[in-house]
Amino acid sequence: MKEFILDSDAEHELHEAVSWYNLQRAGLGLELFDEVEQALDRIRVNPAIGANYRNTNFRFYRVNRFPYVVYFQDQPARLWIAAIAHESRRPNYWRKRKPPGN
């Protein structure tokens, strides 16, 4: 299983989404968090599971049950999770993010 680094902005996005869903219904945010964790686990086991994102070196993988997408790069030593983004809000806002060390 490949290790990953979660971009601090991606982590913030996830926490905001969890909070919003918990306001909609108690526990729903935790369900989102669990689905994101499962998506990250699937990506870690098989980074090729995600589809290529346009003509970039990013891949993406949709989260089950919720309208969120994990955008990531498969790097030699690890996976870099660039964004956990709502699939229909602010397209491509995350593409200017750079992995640590770049």
Protein backbone atom coordinates (compact mmCIF):
# COMPACT_ATOMS: atom_id res chain seq x y z
CA MET A 1 0.00 0.00 0.00
CA LYS A 2 1.47 3.32 -1.05
CA GLU A 3 1.77 6.16 1.46
CA PHE A 4 0.13 9.47 0.72
CA ILE A 5 0.40 13.12 1.59
CA LEU A 6 -2.83 15.03 1.94
CA ASP A 7 -2.40 18.65 0.83
CA SER A 8 -3.32 21.00 3.67
CA ASP A 9 -5.93 22.68 1.45
CA ALA A 10 -7.44 19.28 0.62
CA GLU A 11 -7.61 18.49 4.34
CA HIS A 12 -9.34 21.82 4.94
CA GLU A 13 -11.83 21.09 2.13
CA LEU A 14 -12.67 17.74 3.67
CA HIS A 15 -13.23 19.21 7.14
CA GLU A 16 -15.46 21.95 5.72
CA ALA A 17 -17.54 19.40 3.81
CA VAL A 18 -17.84 17.15 6.88
CA SER A 19 -19.03 20.12 8.96
CA TRP A 20 -21.56 21.16 6.32
CA TYR A 21 -23.00 17.65 6.02
CA ASN A 22 -23.21 17.33 9.81
CA LEU A 23 -25.32 20.49 9.85
CA GLN A 24 -27.67 18.89 7.32
CA ARG A 25 -28.07 15.74 9.39
CA ALA A 26 -26.23 14.55 12.48
CA GLY A 27 -23.68 11.92 11.49
CA LEU A 28 -23.88 12.55 7.75
CA GLY A 29 -20.49 14.30 7.81
CA LEU A 30 -18.97 11.22 9.40
CA GLU A 31 -20.45 9.12 6.60
CA LEU A 32 -18.77 11.42 4.06
CA PHE A 33 -15.48 11.13 5.95
CA ASP A 34 -15.74 7.33 5.92
CA GLU A 35 -16.43 7.29 2.17
CA VAL A 36 -13.43 9.55 1.52
CA GLU A 37 -11.23 7.28 3.66
CA GLN A 38 -12.41 4.27 1.67
CA ALA A 39 -11.65 6.09 -1.59
CA LEU A 40 -8.16 6.96 -0.34
CA ASP A 41 -7.58 3.35 0.66
CA ARG A 42 -8.61 2.15 -2.81
CA ILE A 43 -6.27 4.69 -4.41
CA ARG A 44 -3.41 3.65 -2.12
CA VAL A 45 -3.83 -0.02 -3.01
CA ASN A 46 -4.09 0.67 -6.75
CA PRO A 47 -3.14 4.21 -7.87
CA ALA A 48 -4.11 3.32 -11.45
CA ILE A 49 -7.73 3.01 -10.32
CA GLY A 50 -8.25 6.70 -10.93
CA ALA A 51 -8.80 8.02 -14.42
CA ASN A 52 -6.42 10.49 -16.03
CA TYR A 53 -7.59 14.07 -15.64
CA ARG A 54 -7.56 15.71 -19.04
CA ASN A 55 -4.02 16.28 -20.34
CA THR A 56 -2.40 16.57 -16.91
CA ASN A 57 -0.36 14.35 -14.61
CA PHE A 58 -3.32 14.25 -12.22
CA ARG A 59 -5.72 11.39 -11.78
CA PHE A 60 -9.16 11.49 -10.19
CA TYR A 61 -11.41 9.12 -8.33
CA ARG A 62 -15.04 9.71 -7.40
CA VAL A 63 -16.18 9.23 -3.82
CA ASN A 64 -19.13 6.87 -3.36
CA ARG A 65 -22.52 8.32 -2.29
CA PHE A 66 -21.34 11.96 -2.25
CA PRO A 67 -20.60 14.45 -5.04
CA TYR A 68 -16.86 14.63 -4.27
CA VAL A 69 -13.78 13.77 -6.28
CA VAL A 70 -10.25 13.04 -5.06
CA TYR A 71 -7.60 14.56 -7.36
CA PHE A 72 -4.13 13.11 -6.94
CA GLN A 73 -0.71 12.50 -8.42
CA ASP A 74 1.01 9.15 -8.32
CA GLN A 75 4.62 10.05 -7.51
CA PRO A 76 7.50 7.55 -7.29
CA ALA A 77 7.67 7.50 -3.48
CA ARG A 78 4.10 8.37 -2.55
CA LEU A 79 0.71 9.68 -3.60
CA TRP A 80 -0.02 13.36 -3.30
CA ILE A 81 -3.69 14.18 -2.70
CA ALA A 82 -4.15 17.63 -4.22
CA ALA A 83 -7.85 18.12 -3.60
CA ILE A 84 -11.05 16.63 -2.27
CA ALA A 85 -13.38 18.73 -4.36
CA HIS A 86 -17.09 18.99 -4.95
CA GLU A 87 -17.58 17.67 -8.47
CA SER A 88 -19.63 20.61 -9.75
CA ARG A 89 -18.29 23.63 -7.87
CA ARG A 90 -15.38 25.80 -9.00
CA PRO A 91 -13.85 23.46 -11.58
CA ASN A 92 -10.05 23.34 -11.72
CA TYR A 93 -9.50 25.74 -8.79
CA TRP A 94 -7.07 23.23 -7.27
CA ARG A 95 -4.82 22.81 -10.33
CA LYS A 96 -2.35 25.50 -9.24
CA ARG A 97 -1.48 23.54 -6.11
CA LYS A 98 2.02 22.12 -5.98
CA PRO A 99 3.22 19.02 -4.15
CA PRO A 100 5.66 19.52 -1.26
CA GLY A 101 9.17 20.23 -2.47
CA ASN A 102 8.09 21.81 -5.78
